[in-house]
PDB file of N, CA and C in Angstrom:
ATOM      1  N   MET A   1       0.853  -1.173   0.000  1.00  0.00           N
ATOM      2  CA  MET A   1       0.000   0.000   0.000  1.00  0.00           C
ATOM      3  C   MET A   1       0.899   1.237   0.000  1.00  0.00           C
ATOM      4  N   MET A   2       0.607   2.170  -0.863  1.00  0.00           N
ATOM      5  CA  MET A   2       1.405   3.386  -0.955  1.00  0.00           C
ATOM      6  C   MET A   2       1.212   4.228   0.295  1.00  0.00           C
ATOM      7  N   THR A   3       2.205   5.035   0.608  1.00  0.00           N
ATOM      8  CA  THR A   3       2.183   5.867   1.803  1.00  0.00           C
ATOM      9  C   THR A   3       0.940   6.746   1.853  1.00  0.00           C
ATOM     10  N   GLU A   4       0.555   7.315   0.721  1.00  0.00           N
ATOM     11  CA  GLU A   4      -0.585   8.215   0.701  1.00  0.00           C
ATOM     12  C   GLU A   4      -1.871   7.478   1.076  1.00  0.00           C
ATOM     13  N   GLN A   5      -2.056   6.292   0.515  1.00  0.00           N
ATOM     14  CA  GLN A   5      -3.235   5.503   0.859  1.00  0.00           C
ATOM     15  C   GLN A   5      -3.160   5.051   2.306  1.00  0.00           C
ATOM     16  N   ARG A   6      -1.968   4.802   2.784  1.00  0.00           N
ATOM     17  CA  ARG A   6      -1.787   4.364   4.164  1.00  0.00           C
ATOM     18  C   ARG A   6      -2.246   5.447   5.139  1.00  0.00           C
ATOM     19  N   LEU A   7      -2.052   6.709   4.792  1.00  0.00           N
ATOM     20  CA  LEU A   7      -2.489   7.802   5.663  1.00  0.00           C
ATOM     21  C   LEU A   7      -3.994   7.741   5.896  1.00  0.00           C
ATOM     22  N   ALA A   8      -4.759   7.544   4.843  1.00  0.00           N
ATOM     23  CA  ALA A   8      -6.211   7.459   4.984  1.00  0.00           C
ATOM     24  C   ALA A   8      -6.590   6.204   5.765  1.00  0.00           C
ATOM     25  N   GLN A   9      -5.890   5.108   5.519  1.00  0.00           N
ATOM     26  CA  GLN A   9      -6.172   3.873   6.244  1.00  0.00           C
ATOM     27  C   GLN A   9      -5.830   4.031   7.723  1.00  0.00           C
ATOM     28  N   GLN A  10      -4.730   4.687   8.043  1.00  0.00           N
ATOM     29  CA  GLN A  10      -4.367   4.935   9.439  1.00  0.00           C
ATOM     30  C   GLN A  10      -5.456   5.740  10.141  1.00  0.00           C
ATOM     31  N   TYR A  11      -6.004   6.710   9.445  1.00  0.00           N
ATOM     32  CA  TYR A  11      -7.075   7.521  10.019  1.00  0.00           C
ATOM     33  C   TYR A  11      -8.281   6.640  10.348  1.00  0.00           C
ATOM     34  N   ARG A  12      -8.672   5.809   9.390  1.00  0.00           N
ATOM     35  CA  ARG A  12      -9.813   4.913   9.621  1.00  0.00           C
ATOM     36  C   ARG A  12      -9.545   3.954  10.791  1.00  0.00           C
ATOM     37  N   GLU A  13      -8.338   3.391  10.831  1.00  0.00           N
ATOM     38  CA  GLU A  13      -7.975   2.476  11.914  1.00  0.00           C
ATOM     39  C   GLU A  13      -7.950   3.195  13.262  1.00  0.00           C
ATOM     40  N   GLY A  14      -7.443   4.412  13.271  1.00  0.00           N
ATOM     41  CA  GLY A  14      -7.409   5.190  14.505  1.00  0.00           C
ATOM     42  C   GLY A  14      -8.803   5.486  15.021  1.00  0.00           C
ATOM     43  N   LEU A  15      -9.706   5.815  14.109  1.00  0.00           N
ATOM     44  CA  LEU A  15     -11.094   6.056  14.522  1.00  0.00           C
ATOM     45  C   LEU A  15     -11.713   4.802  15.116  1.00  0.00           C
ATOM     46  N   MET A  16     -11.458   3.652  14.489  1.00  0.00           N
ATOM     47  CA  MET A  16     -12.006   2.390  15.004  1.00  0.00           C
ATOM     48  C   MET A  16     -11.460   2.091  16.402  1.00  0.00           C
ATOM     49  N   SER A  17     -10.172   2.292  16.596  1.00  0.00           N
ATOM     50  CA  SER A  17      -9.555   2.049  17.898  1.00  0.00           C
ATOM     51  C   SER A  17     -10.122   3.005  18.940  1.00  0.00           C
ATOM     52  N   PHE A  18     -10.259   4.261  18.578  1.00  0.00           N
ATOM     53  CA  PHE A  18     -10.848   5.240  19.492  1.00  0.00           C
ATOM     54  C   PHE A  18     -12.281   4.843  19.838  1.00  0.00           C
ATOM     55  N   GLY A  19     -13.015   4.364  18.830  1.00  0.00           N
ATOM     56  CA  GLY A  19     -14.396   3.956  19.029  1.00  0.00           C
ATOM     57  C   GLY A  19     -14.549   2.798  20.001  1.00  0.00           C
ATOM     58  N   GLU A  20     -13.535   1.945  20.101  1.00  0.00           N
ATOM     59  CA  GLU A  20     -13.572   0.848  21.070  1.00  0.00           C
ATOM     60  C   GLU A  20     -13.529   1.384  22.496  1.00  0.00           C
ATOM     61  N   ARG A  21     -12.853   2.497  22.681  1.00  0.00           N
ATOM     62  CA  ARG A  21     -12.718   3.092  24.007  1.00  0.00           C
ATOM     63  C   ARG A  21     -13.827   4.105  24.301  1.00  0.00           C
ATOM     64  N   MET A  22     -14.248   4.807  23.265  1.00  0.00           N
ATOM     65  CA  MET A  22     -15.220   5.890  23.430  1.00  0.00           C
ATOM     66  C   MET A  22     -16.321   5.771  22.369  1.00  0.00           C
ATOM     67  N   PRO A  23     -17.106   4.695  22.399  1.00  0.00           N
ATOM     68  CA  PRO A  23     -18.079   4.462  21.331  1.00  0.00           C
ATOM     69  C   PRO A  23     -19.131   5.575  21.199  1.00  0.00           C
ATOM     70  N   ASP A  24     -19.576   6.140  22.301  1.00  0.00           N
ATOM     71  CA  ASP A  24     -20.588   7.192  22.227  1.00  0.00           C
ATOM     72  C   ASP A  24     -20.036   8.452  21.574  1.00  0.00           C
ATOM     73  N   VAL A  25     -18.781   8.771  21.901  1.00  0.00           N
ATOM     74  CA  VAL A  25     -18.147   9.952  21.309  1.00  0.00           C
ATOM     75  C   VAL A  25     -17.956   9.745  19.811  1.00  0.00           C
ATOM     76  N   LEU A  26     -17.447   8.571  19.418  1.00  0.00           N
ATOM     77  CA  LEU A  26     -17.232   8.309  17.995  1.00  0.00           C
ATOM     78  C   LEU A  26     -18.558   8.309  17.239  1.00  0.00           C
ATOM     79  N   SER A  27     -19.581   7.729  17.834  1.00  0.00           N
ATOM     80  CA  SER A  27     -20.892   7.709  17.190  1.00  0.00           C
ATOM     81  C   SER A  27     -21.418   9.130  16.973  1.00  0.00           C
ATOM     82  N   ALA A  28     -21.287   9.965  17.987  1.00  0.00           N
ATOM     83  CA  ALA A  28     -21.746  11.355  17.863  1.00  0.00           C
ATOM     84  C   ALA A  28     -20.923  12.103  16.821  1.00  0.00           C
ATOM     85  N   TYR A  29     -19.610  11.875  16.821  1.00  0.00           N
ATOM     86  CA  TYR A  29     -18.732  12.514  15.844  1.00  0.00           C
ATOM     87  C   TYR A  29     -19.099  12.081  14.424  1.00  0.00           C
ATOM     88  N   ASN A  30     -19.271  10.771  14.236  1.00  0.00           N
ATOM     89  CA  ASN A  30     -19.632  10.262  12.907  1.00  0.00           C
ATOM     90  C   ASN A  30     -20.972  10.796  12.447  1.00  0.00           C
ATOM     91  N   GLN A  31     -21.934  10.873  13.342  1.00  0.00           N
ATOM     92  CA  GLN A  31     -23.250  11.412  12.973  1.00  0.00           C
ATOM     93  C   GLN A  31     -23.124  12.880  12.570  1.00  0.00           C
ATOM     94  N   PHE A  32     -22.385  13.645  13.373  1.00  0.00           N
ATOM     95  CA  PHE A  32     -22.191  15.067  13.082  1.00  0.00           C
ATOM     96  C   PHE A  32     -21.498  15.271  11.739  1.00  0.00           C
ATOM     97  N   THR A  33     -20.360  14.567  11.530  1.00  0.00           N
ATOM     98  CA  THR A  33     -19.612  14.794  10.300  1.00  0.00           C
ATOM     99  C   THR A  33     -20.354  14.277   9.073  1.00  0.00           C
ATOM    100  N   SER A  34     -21.057  13.165   9.205  1.00  0.00           N
ATOM    101  CA  SER A  34     -21.799  12.681   8.031  1.00  0.00           C
ATOM    102  C   SER A  34     -22.903  13.664   7.658  1.00  0.00           C
ATOM    103  N   THR A  35     -23.503  14.289   8.644  1.00  0.00           N
ATOM    104  CA  THR A  35     -24.507  15.312   8.360  1.00  0.00           C
ATOM    105  C   THR A  35     -23.860  16.516   7.688  1.00  0.00           C
ATOM    106  N   CYS A  36     -22.699  16.916   8.183  1.00  0.00           N
ATOM    107  CA  CYS A  36     -21.999  18.072   7.604  1.00  0.00           C
ATOM    108  C   CYS A  36     -21.633  17.861   6.141  1.00  0.00           C
ATOM    109  N   PHE A  37     -21.287  16.628   5.775  1.00  0.00           N
ATOM    110  CA  PHE A  37     -20.812  16.361   4.421  1.00  0.00           C
ATOM    111  C   PHE A  37     -21.915  15.921   3.459  1.00  0.00           C
ATOM    112  N   GLN A  38     -23.153  15.887   3.911  1.00  0.00           N
ATOM    113  CA  GLN A  38     -24.256  15.559   3.006  1.00  0.00           C
ATOM    114  C   GLN A  38     -24.445  16.696   1.997  1.00  0.00           C
ATOM    115  N   THR A  39     -24.901  16.328   0.823  1.00  0.00           N
ATOM    116  CA  THR A  39     -25.215  17.334  -0.173  1.00  0.00           C
ATOM    117  C   THR A  39     -26.391  18.164   0.311  1.00  0.00           C
ATOM    118  N   GLY A  40     -26.224  19.467   0.252  1.00  0.00           N
ATOM    119  CA  GLY A  40     -27.275  20.434   0.534  1.00  0.00           C
ATOM    120  C   GLY A  40     -27.208  21.472  -0.575  1.00  0.00           C
ATOM    121  N   GLU A  41     -27.109  22.721  -0.214  1.00  0.00           N
ATOM    122  CA  GLU A  41     -26.866  23.758  -1.222  1.00  0.00           C
ATOM    123  C   GLU A  41     -25.482  23.575  -1.829  1.00  0.00           C
ATOM    124  N   ILE A  42     -24.576  23.020  -1.043  1.00  0.00           N
ATOM    125  CA  ILE A  42     -23.223  22.701  -1.519  1.00  0.00           C
ATOM    126  C   ILE A  42     -23.134  21.187  -1.663  1.00  0.00           C
ATOM    127  N   ARG A  43     -22.631  20.734  -2.814  1.00  0.00           N
ATOM    128  CA  ARG A  43     -22.511  19.302  -3.066  1.00  0.00           C
ATOM    129  C   ARG A  43     -21.477  18.663  -2.152  1.00  0.00           C
ATOM    130  N   SER A  44     -21.695  17.397  -1.836  1.00  0.00           N
ATOM    131  CA  SER A  44     -20.784  16.642  -0.988  1.00  0.00           C
ATOM    132  C   SER A  44     -19.362  16.694  -1.535  1.00  0.00           C
ATOM    133  N   LYS A  45     -19.206  16.549  -2.824  1.00  0.00           N
ATOM    134  CA  LYS A  45     -17.879  16.592  -3.448  1.00  0.00           C
ATOM    135  C   LYS A  45     -17.172  17.897  -3.104  1.00  0.00           C
ATOM    136  N   ASP A  46     -17.891  18.996  -3.195  1.00  0.00           N
ATOM    137  CA  ASP A  46     -17.291  20.300  -2.937  1.00  0.00           C
ATOM    138  C   ASP A  46     -16.960  20.475  -1.452  1.00  0.00           C
ATOM    139  N   LYS A  47     -17.771  19.889  -0.586  1.00  0.00           N
ATOM    140  CA  LYS A  47     -17.474  19.938   0.845  1.00  0.00           C
ATOM    141  C   LYS A  47     -16.190  19.171   1.153  1.00  0.00           C
ATOM    142  N   HIS A  48     -15.982  18.046   0.477  1.00  0.00           N
ATOM    143  CA  HIS A  48     -14.745  17.288   0.692  1.00  0.00           C
ATOM    144  C   HIS A  48     -13.543  18.035   0.122  1.00  0.00           C
ATOM    145  N   LEU A  49     -13.726  18.743  -0.978  1.00  0.00           N
ATOM    146  CA  LEU A  49     -12.639  19.576  -1.496  1.00  0.00           C
ATOM    147  C   LEU A  49     -12.310  20.696  -0.511  1.00  0.00           C
ATOM    148  N   MET A  50     -13.339  21.273   0.103  1.00  0.00           N
ATOM    149  CA  MET A  50     -13.103  22.302   1.126  1.00  0.00           C
ATOM    150  C   MET A  50     -12.325  21.716   2.302  1.00  0.00           C
ATOM    151  N   ALA A  51     -12.754  20.551   2.765  1.00  0.00           N
ATOM    152  CA  ALA A  51     -12.081  19.916   3.903  1.00  0.00           C
ATOM    153  C   ALA A  51     -10.632  19.590   3.548  1.00  0.00           C
ATOM    154  N   MET A  52     -10.407  19.139   2.325  1.00  0.00           N
ATOM    155  CA  MET A  52      -9.049  18.851   1.876  1.00  0.00           C
ATOM    156  C   MET A  52      -8.208  20.119   1.920  1.00  0.00           C
ATOM    157  N   ALA A  53      -8.768  21.228   1.450  1.00  0.00           N
ATOM    158  CA  ALA A  53      -8.038  22.499   1.447  1.00  0.00           C
ATOM    159  C   ALA A  53      -7.757  22.978   2.871  1.00  0.00           C
ATOM    160  N   ILE A  54      -8.715  22.814   3.762  1.00  0.00           N
ATOM    161  CA  ILE A  54      -8.499  23.185   5.165  1.00  0.00           C
ATOM    162  C   ILE A  54      -7.402  22.311   5.761  1.00  0.00           C
ATOM    163  N   ALA A  55      -7.424  21.016   5.448  1.00  0.00           N
ATOM    164  CA  ALA A  55      -6.385  20.103   5.942  1.00  0.00           C
ATOM    165  C   ALA A  55      -5.010  20.505   5.402  1.00  0.00           C
ATOM    166  N   LEU A  56      -4.958  20.972   4.157  1.00  0.00           N
ATOM    167  CA  LEU A  56      -3.695  21.454   3.604  1.00  0.00           C
ATOM    168  C   LEU A  56      -3.170  22.626   4.426  1.00  0.00           C
ATOM    169  N   CYS A  57      -4.068  23.547   4.777  1.00  0.00           N
ATOM    170  CA  CYS A  57      -3.653  24.729   5.542  1.00  0.00           C
ATOM    171  C   CYS A  57      -3.236  24.380   6.960  1.00  0.00           C
ATOM    172  N   SER A  58      -3.850  23.355   7.532  1.00  0.00           N
ATOM    173  CA  SER A  58      -3.539  22.993   8.917  1.00  0.00           C
ATOM    174  C   SER A  58      -2.441  21.938   9.014  1.00  0.00           C
ATOM    175  N   GLY A  59      -1.998  21.408   7.870  1.00  0.00           N
ATOM    176  CA  GLY A  59      -0.928  20.416   7.870  1.00  0.00           C
ATOM    177  C   GLY A  59      -1.367  19.027   8.299  1.00  0.00           C
ATOM    178  N   ASN A  60      -2.652  18.728   8.195  1.00  0.00           N
ATOM    179  CA  ASN A  60      -3.184  17.437   8.621  1.00  0.00           C
ATOM    180  C   ASN A  60      -3.154  16.468   7.434  1.00  0.00           C
ATOM    181  N   GLU A  61      -2.046  15.731   7.298  1.00  0.00           N
ATOM    182  CA  GLU A  61      -1.851  14.855   6.140  1.00  0.00           C
ATOM    183  C   GLU A  61      -2.895  13.750   6.064  1.00  0.00           C
ATOM    184  N   HIS A  62      -3.300  13.206   7.203  1.00  0.00           N
ATOM    185  CA  HIS A  62      -4.299  12.140   7.179  1.00  0.00           C
ATOM    186  C   HIS A  62      -5.604  12.649   6.560  1.00  0.00           C
ATOM    187  N   CYS A  63      -6.044  13.828   6.968  1.00  0.00           N
ATOM    188  CA  CYS A  63      -7.304  14.361   6.435  1.00  0.00           C
ATOM    189  C   CYS A  63      -7.145  14.861   4.997  1.00  0.00           C
ATOM    190  N   MET A  64      -5.946  15.296   4.637  1.00  0.00           N
ATOM    191  CA  MET A  64      -5.721  15.700   3.238  1.00  0.00           C
ATOM    192  C   MET A  64      -6.080  14.545   2.314  1.00  0.00           C
ATOM    193  N   VAL A  65      -5.510  13.389   2.605  1.00  0.00           N
ATOM    194  CA  VAL A  65      -5.689  12.228   1.738  1.00  0.00           C
ATOM    195  C   VAL A  65      -7.088  11.643   1.907  1.00  0.00           C
ATOM    196  N   TYR A  66      -7.578  11.576   3.126  1.00  0.00           N
ATOM    197  CA  TYR A  66      -8.917  11.035   3.389  1.00  0.00           C
ATOM    198  C   TYR A  66      -9.973  11.814   2.597  1.00  0.00           C
ATOM    199  N   HIS A  67      -9.933  13.140   2.679  1.00  0.00           N
ATOM    200  CA  HIS A  67     -10.944  13.936   1.975  1.00  0.00           C
ATOM    201  C   HIS A  67     -10.682  13.989   0.469  1.00  0.00           C
ATOM    202  N   LEU A  68      -9.438  13.870   0.049  1.00  0.00           N
ATOM    203  CA  LEU A  68      -9.143  13.739  -1.378  1.00  0.00           C
ATOM    204  C   LEU A  68      -9.810  12.481  -1.916  1.00  0.00           C
ATOM    205  N   GLU A  69      -9.636  11.355  -1.218  1.00  0.00           N
ATOM    206  CA  GLU A  69     -10.254  10.102  -1.668  1.00  0.00           C
ATOM    207  C   GLU A  69     -11.772  10.251  -1.774  1.00  0.00           C
ATOM    208  N   LEU A  70     -12.381  10.836  -0.754  1.00  0.00           N
ATOM    209  CA  LEU A  70     -13.837  10.977  -0.769  1.00  0.00           C
ATOM    210  C   LEU A  70     -14.296  11.942  -1.863  1.00  0.00           C
ATOM    211  N   ALA A  71     -13.550  13.012  -2.077  1.00  0.00           N
ATOM    212  CA  ALA A  71     -13.898  13.949  -3.150  1.00  0.00           C
ATOM    213  C   ALA A  71     -13.821  13.252  -4.507  1.00  0.00           C
ATOM    214  N   MET A  72     -12.782  12.443  -4.710  1.00  0.00           N
ATOM    215  CA  MET A  72     -12.643  11.739  -5.982  1.00  0.00           C
ATOM    216  C   MET A  72     -13.737  10.682  -6.142  1.00  0.00           C
ATOM    217  N   GLN A  73     -14.122  10.024  -5.049  1.00  0.00           N
ATOM    218  CA  GLN A  73     -15.232   9.068  -5.122  1.00  0.00           C
ATOM    219  C   GLN A  73     -16.534   9.774  -5.508  1.00  0.00           C
ATOM    220  N   GLU A  74     -16.641  11.043  -5.140  1.00  0.00           N
ATOM    221  CA  GLU A  74     -17.827  11.839  -5.475  1.00  0.00           C
ATOM    222  C   GLU A  74     -17.709  12.453  -6.869  1.00  0.00           C
ATOM    223  N   GLY A  75     -16.603  12.184  -7.571  1.00  0.00           N
ATOM    224  CA  GLY A  75     -16.459  12.644  -8.948  1.00  0.00           C
ATOM    225  C   GLY A  75     -15.556  13.846  -9.140  1.00  0.00           C
ATOM    226  N   ALA A  76     -14.814  14.241  -8.116  1.00  0.00           N
ATOM    227  CA  ALA A  76     -13.899  15.379  -8.278  1.00  0.00           C
ATOM    228  C   ALA A  76     -12.841  15.049  -9.324  1.00  0.00           C
ATOM    229  N   THR A  77     -12.564  16.005 -10.164  1.00  0.00           N
ATOM    230  CA  THR A  77     -11.535  15.836 -11.193  1.00  0.00           C
ATOM    231  C   THR A  77     -10.190  16.285 -10.639  1.00  0.00           C
ATOM    232  N   GLU A  78      -9.139  15.899 -11.326  1.00  0.00           N
ATOM    233  CA  GLU A  78      -7.805  16.345 -10.927  1.00  0.00           C
ATOM    234  C   GLU A  78      -7.699  17.863 -11.022  1.00  0.00           C
ATOM    235  N   GLN A  79      -8.389  18.460 -11.975  1.00  0.00           N
ATOM    236  CA  GLN A  79      -8.365  19.922 -12.099  1.00  0.00           C
ATOM    237  C   GLN A  79      -9.035  20.571 -10.886  1.00  0.00           C
ATOM    238  N   GLU A  80     -10.155  20.015 -10.440  1.00  0.00           N
ATOM    239  CA  GLU A  80     -10.831  20.562  -9.265  1.00  0.00           C
ATOM    240  C   GLU A  80      -9.942  20.433  -8.027  1.00  0.00           C
ATOM    241  N   VAL A  81      -9.270  19.305  -7.892  1.00  0.00           N
ATOM    242  CA  VAL A  81      -8.354  19.104  -6.769  1.00  0.00           C
ATOM    243  C   VAL A  81      -7.229  20.134  -6.836  1.00  0.00           C
ATOM    244  N   ALA A  82      -6.671  20.326  -8.024  1.00  0.00           N
ATOM    245  CA  ALA A  82      -5.585  21.296  -8.196  1.00  0.00           C
ATOM    246  C   ALA A  82      -6.048  22.709  -7.854  1.00  0.00           C
ATOM    247  N   GLU A  83      -7.256  23.068  -8.271  1.00  0.00           N
ATOM    248  CA  GLU A  83      -7.761  24.407  -7.979  1.00  0.00           C
ATOM    249  C   GLU A  83      -7.998  24.596  -6.486  1.00  0.00           C
ATOM    250  N   ALA A  84      -8.535  23.588  -5.817  1.00  0.00           N
ATOM    251  CA  ALA A  84      -8.732  23.667  -4.364  1.00  0.00           C
ATOM    252  C   ALA A  84      -7.381  23.769  -3.657  1.00  0.00           C
ATOM    253  N   ALA A  85      -6.401  23.006  -4.134  1.00  0.00           N
ATOM    254  CA  ALA A  85      -5.059  23.058  -3.546  1.00  0.00           C
ATOM    255  C   ALA A  85      -4.417  24.426  -3.776  1.00  0.00           C
ATOM    256  N   ALA A  86      -4.665  25.015  -4.934  1.00  0.00           N
ATOM    257  CA  ALA A  86      -4.120  26.343  -5.218  1.00  0.00           C
ATOM    258  C   ALA A  86      -4.711  27.386  -4.270  1.00  0.00           C
ATOM    259  N   VAL A  87      -6.001  27.303  -4.016  1.00  0.00           N
ATOM    260  CA  VAL A  87      -6.637  28.239  -3.075  1.00  0.00           C
ATOM    261  C   VAL A  87      -6.031  28.046  -1.686  1.00  0.00           C
ATOM    262  N   ALA A  88      -5.849  26.784  -1.271  1.00  0.00           N
ATOM    263  CA  ALA A  88      -5.222  26.512   0.023  1.00  0.00           C
ATOM    264  C   ALA A  88      -3.820  27.106   0.069  1.00  0.00           C
ATOM    265  N   GLY A  89      -3.078  26.981  -1.029  1.00  0.00           N
ATOM    266  CA  GLY A  89      -1.732  27.550  -1.090  1.00  0.00           C
ATOM    267  C   GLY A  89      -1.748  29.063  -1.025  1.00  0.00           C
ATOM    268  N   ALA A  90      -2.742  29.682  -1.669  1.00  0.00           N
ATOM    269  CA  ALA A  90      -2.857  31.138  -1.620  1.00  0.00           C
ATOM    270  C   ALA A  90      -3.138  31.611  -0.201  1.00  0.00           C
ATOM    271  N   TYR A  91      -3.896  30.823   0.526  1.00  0.00           N
ATOM    272  CA  TYR A  91      -4.260  31.190   1.884  1.00  0.00           C
ATOM    273  C   TYR A  91      -3.232  30.707   2.905  1.00  0.00           C
ATOM    274  N   GLY A  92      -2.744  29.481   2.723  1.00  0.00           N
ATOM    275  CA  GLY A  92      -1.890  28.858   3.726  1.00  0.00           C
ATOM    276  C   GLY A  92      -0.404  28.949   3.459  1.00  0.00           C
ATOM    277  N   GLY A  93      -0.006  29.507   2.334  1.00  0.00           N
ATOM    278  CA  GLY A  93       1.408  29.699   2.053  1.00  0.00           C
ATOM    279  C   GLY A  93       2.122  28.454   1.550  1.00  0.00           C
ATOM    280  N   GLY A  94       3.436  28.479   1.671  1.00  0.00           N
ATOM    281  CA  GLY A  94       4.295  27.450   1.099  1.00  0.00           C
ATOM    282  C   GLY A  94       4.032  26.049   1.597  1.00  0.00           C
ATOM    283  N   SER A  95       3.746  25.900   2.880  1.00  0.00           N
ATOM    284  CA  SER A  95       3.497  24.567   3.422  1.00  0.00           C
ATOM    285  C   SER A  95       2.264  23.941   2.779  1.00  0.00           C
ATOM    286  N   ALA A  96       1.184  24.695   2.727  1.00  0.00           N
ATOM    287  CA  ALA A  96      -0.045  24.192   2.101  1.00  0.00           C
ATOM    288  C   ALA A  96       0.174  23.938   0.620  1.00  0.00           C
ATOM    289  N   PHE A  97       0.895  24.829  -0.034  1.00  0.00           N
ATOM    290  CA  PHE A  97       1.123  24.673  -1.470  1.00  0.00           C
ATOM    291  C   PHE A  97       1.974  23.446  -1.760  1.00  0.00           C
ATOM    292  N   SER A  98       3.025  23.215  -0.968  1.00  0.00           N
ATOM    293  CA  SER A  98       3.893  22.064  -1.236  1.00  0.00           C
ATOM    294  C   SER A  98       3.159  20.752  -0.974  1.00  0.00           C
ATOM    295  N   HIS A  99       2.332  20.700   0.075  1.00  0.00           N
ATOM    296  CA  HIS A  99       1.529  19.497   0.285  1.00  0.00           C
ATOM    297  C   HIS A  99       0.572  19.286  -0.893  1.00  0.00           C
ATOM    298  N   GLY A 100      -0.029  20.368  -1.367  1.00  0.00           N
ATOM    299  CA  GLY A 100      -0.946  20.265  -2.500  1.00  0.00           C
ATOM    300  C   GLY A 100      -0.249  19.811  -3.761  1.00  0.00           C
ATOM    301  N   ALA A 101       0.953  20.309  -3.961  1.00  0.00           N
ATOM    302  CA  ALA A 101       1.685  19.974  -5.184  1.00  0.00           C
ATOM    303  C   ALA A 101       2.291  18.573  -5.139  1.00  0.00           C
ATOM    304  N   ILE A 102       2.695  18.126  -3.974  1.00  0.00           N
ATOM    305  CA  ILE A 102       3.408  16.854  -3.881  1.00  0.00           C
ATOM    306  C   ILE A 102       2.522  15.732  -3.357  1.00  0.00           C
ATOM    307  N   LEU A 103       2.056  15.859  -2.126  1.00  0.00           N
ATOM    308  CA  LEU A 103       1.302  14.777  -1.494  1.00  0.00           C
ATOM    309  C   LEU A 103       0.017  14.473  -2.256  1.00  0.00           C
ATOM    310  N   LEU A 104      -0.745  15.502  -2.612  1.00  0.00           N
ATOM    311  CA  LEU A 104      -2.002  15.242  -3.310  1.00  0.00           C
ATOM    312  C   LEU A 104      -1.764  14.654  -4.693  1.00  0.00           C
ATOM    313  N   HIS A 105      -0.724  15.104  -5.366  1.00  0.00           N
ATOM    314  CA  HIS A 105      -0.398  14.543  -6.681  1.00  0.00           C
ATOM    315  C   HIS A 105      -0.103  13.044  -6.555  1.00  0.00           C
ATOM    316  N   GLU A 106       0.726  12.698  -5.579  1.00  0.00           N
ATOM    317  CA  GLU A 106       1.068  11.287  -5.383  1.00  0.00           C
ATOM    318  C   GLU A 106      -0.158  10.474  -4.970  1.00  0.00           C
ATOM    319  N   ALA A 107      -0.992  11.054  -4.118  1.00  0.00           N
ATOM    320  CA  ALA A 107      -2.199  10.346  -3.680  1.00  0.00           C
ATOM    321  C   ALA A 107      -3.159  10.137  -4.844  1.00  0.00           C
ATOM    322  N   MET A 108      -3.325  11.130  -5.708  1.00  0.00           N
ATOM    323  CA  MET A 108      -4.212  10.963  -6.866  1.00  0.00           C
ATOM    324  C   MET A 108      -3.709   9.852  -7.764  1.00  0.00           C
ATOM    325  N   GLN A 109      -2.398   9.790  -7.983  1.00  0.00           N
ATOM    326  CA  GLN A 109      -1.838   8.715  -8.804  1.00  0.00           C
ATOM    327  C   GLN A 109      -2.123   7.360  -8.169  1.00  0.00           C
ATOM    328  N   SER A 110      -1.956   7.264  -6.879  1.00  0.00           N
ATOM    329  CA  SER A 110      -2.200   6.015  -6.163  1.00  0.00           C
ATOM    330  C   SER A 110      -3.670   5.618  -6.238  1.00  0.00           C
ATOM    331  N   ILE A 111      -4.559   6.581  -6.045  1.00  0.00           N
ATOM    332  CA  ILE A 111      -6.006   6.306  -6.116  1.00  0.00           C
ATOM    333  C   ILE A 111      -6.381   5.853  -7.510  1.00  0.00           C
ATOM    334  N   ARG A 112      -5.863   6.525  -8.543  1.00  0.00           N
ATOM    335  CA  ARG A 112      -6.133   6.131  -9.931  1.00  0.00           C
ATOM    336  C   ARG A 112      -5.679   4.706 -10.195  1.00  0.00           C
ATOM    337  N   GLN A 113      -4.504   4.349  -9.698  1.00  0.00           N
ATOM    338  CA  GLN A 113      -3.967   3.002  -9.926  1.00  0.00           C
ATOM    339  C   GLN A 113      -4.815   1.947  -9.224  1.00  0.00           C
ATOM    340  N   SER A 114      -5.336   2.264  -8.049  1.00  0.00           N
ATOM    341  CA  SER A 114      -6.140   1.276  -7.327  1.00  0.00           C
ATOM    342  C   SER A 114      -7.510   1.101  -7.937  1.00  0.00           C
ATOM    343  N   VAL A 115      -7.985   2.092  -8.688  1.00  0.00           N
ATOM    344  CA  VAL A 115      -9.294   2.001  -9.348  1.00  0.00           C
ATOM    345  C   VAL A 115      -9.176   1.183 -10.626  1.00  0.00           C
ATOM    346  N   HIS A 116      -8.049   1.267 -11.297  1.00  0.00           N
ATOM    347  CA  HIS A 116      -7.876   0.567 -12.584  1.00  0.00           C
ATOM    348  C   HIS A 116      -7.350  -0.802 -12.394  1.00  0.00           C
TER     349      HIS A 116
END
């Protein structure tokens, strides 16, 4: 498994482990976040692109890849990912831009390979 995919898997595994200790908290968190990411006036895909961009600005690599995967599952194109990453770079500076240019590029390649 490529490092980028491993980040998203680590996040999922960490949530499961946390849920064993704090099931009510994880359940409430999952309910809250699933509601937040439902399509409303803003499509789910676009919400995941927003979350990816926020993760770029905050340096949260696990969420960068996790929300990239979900955005792509919702039909996000590489151009949309690049544009969201560019906005994050404009706001978050060099750190956000370098993660967008490197980590997301590698993760998209990995996701594409696993789909084909």
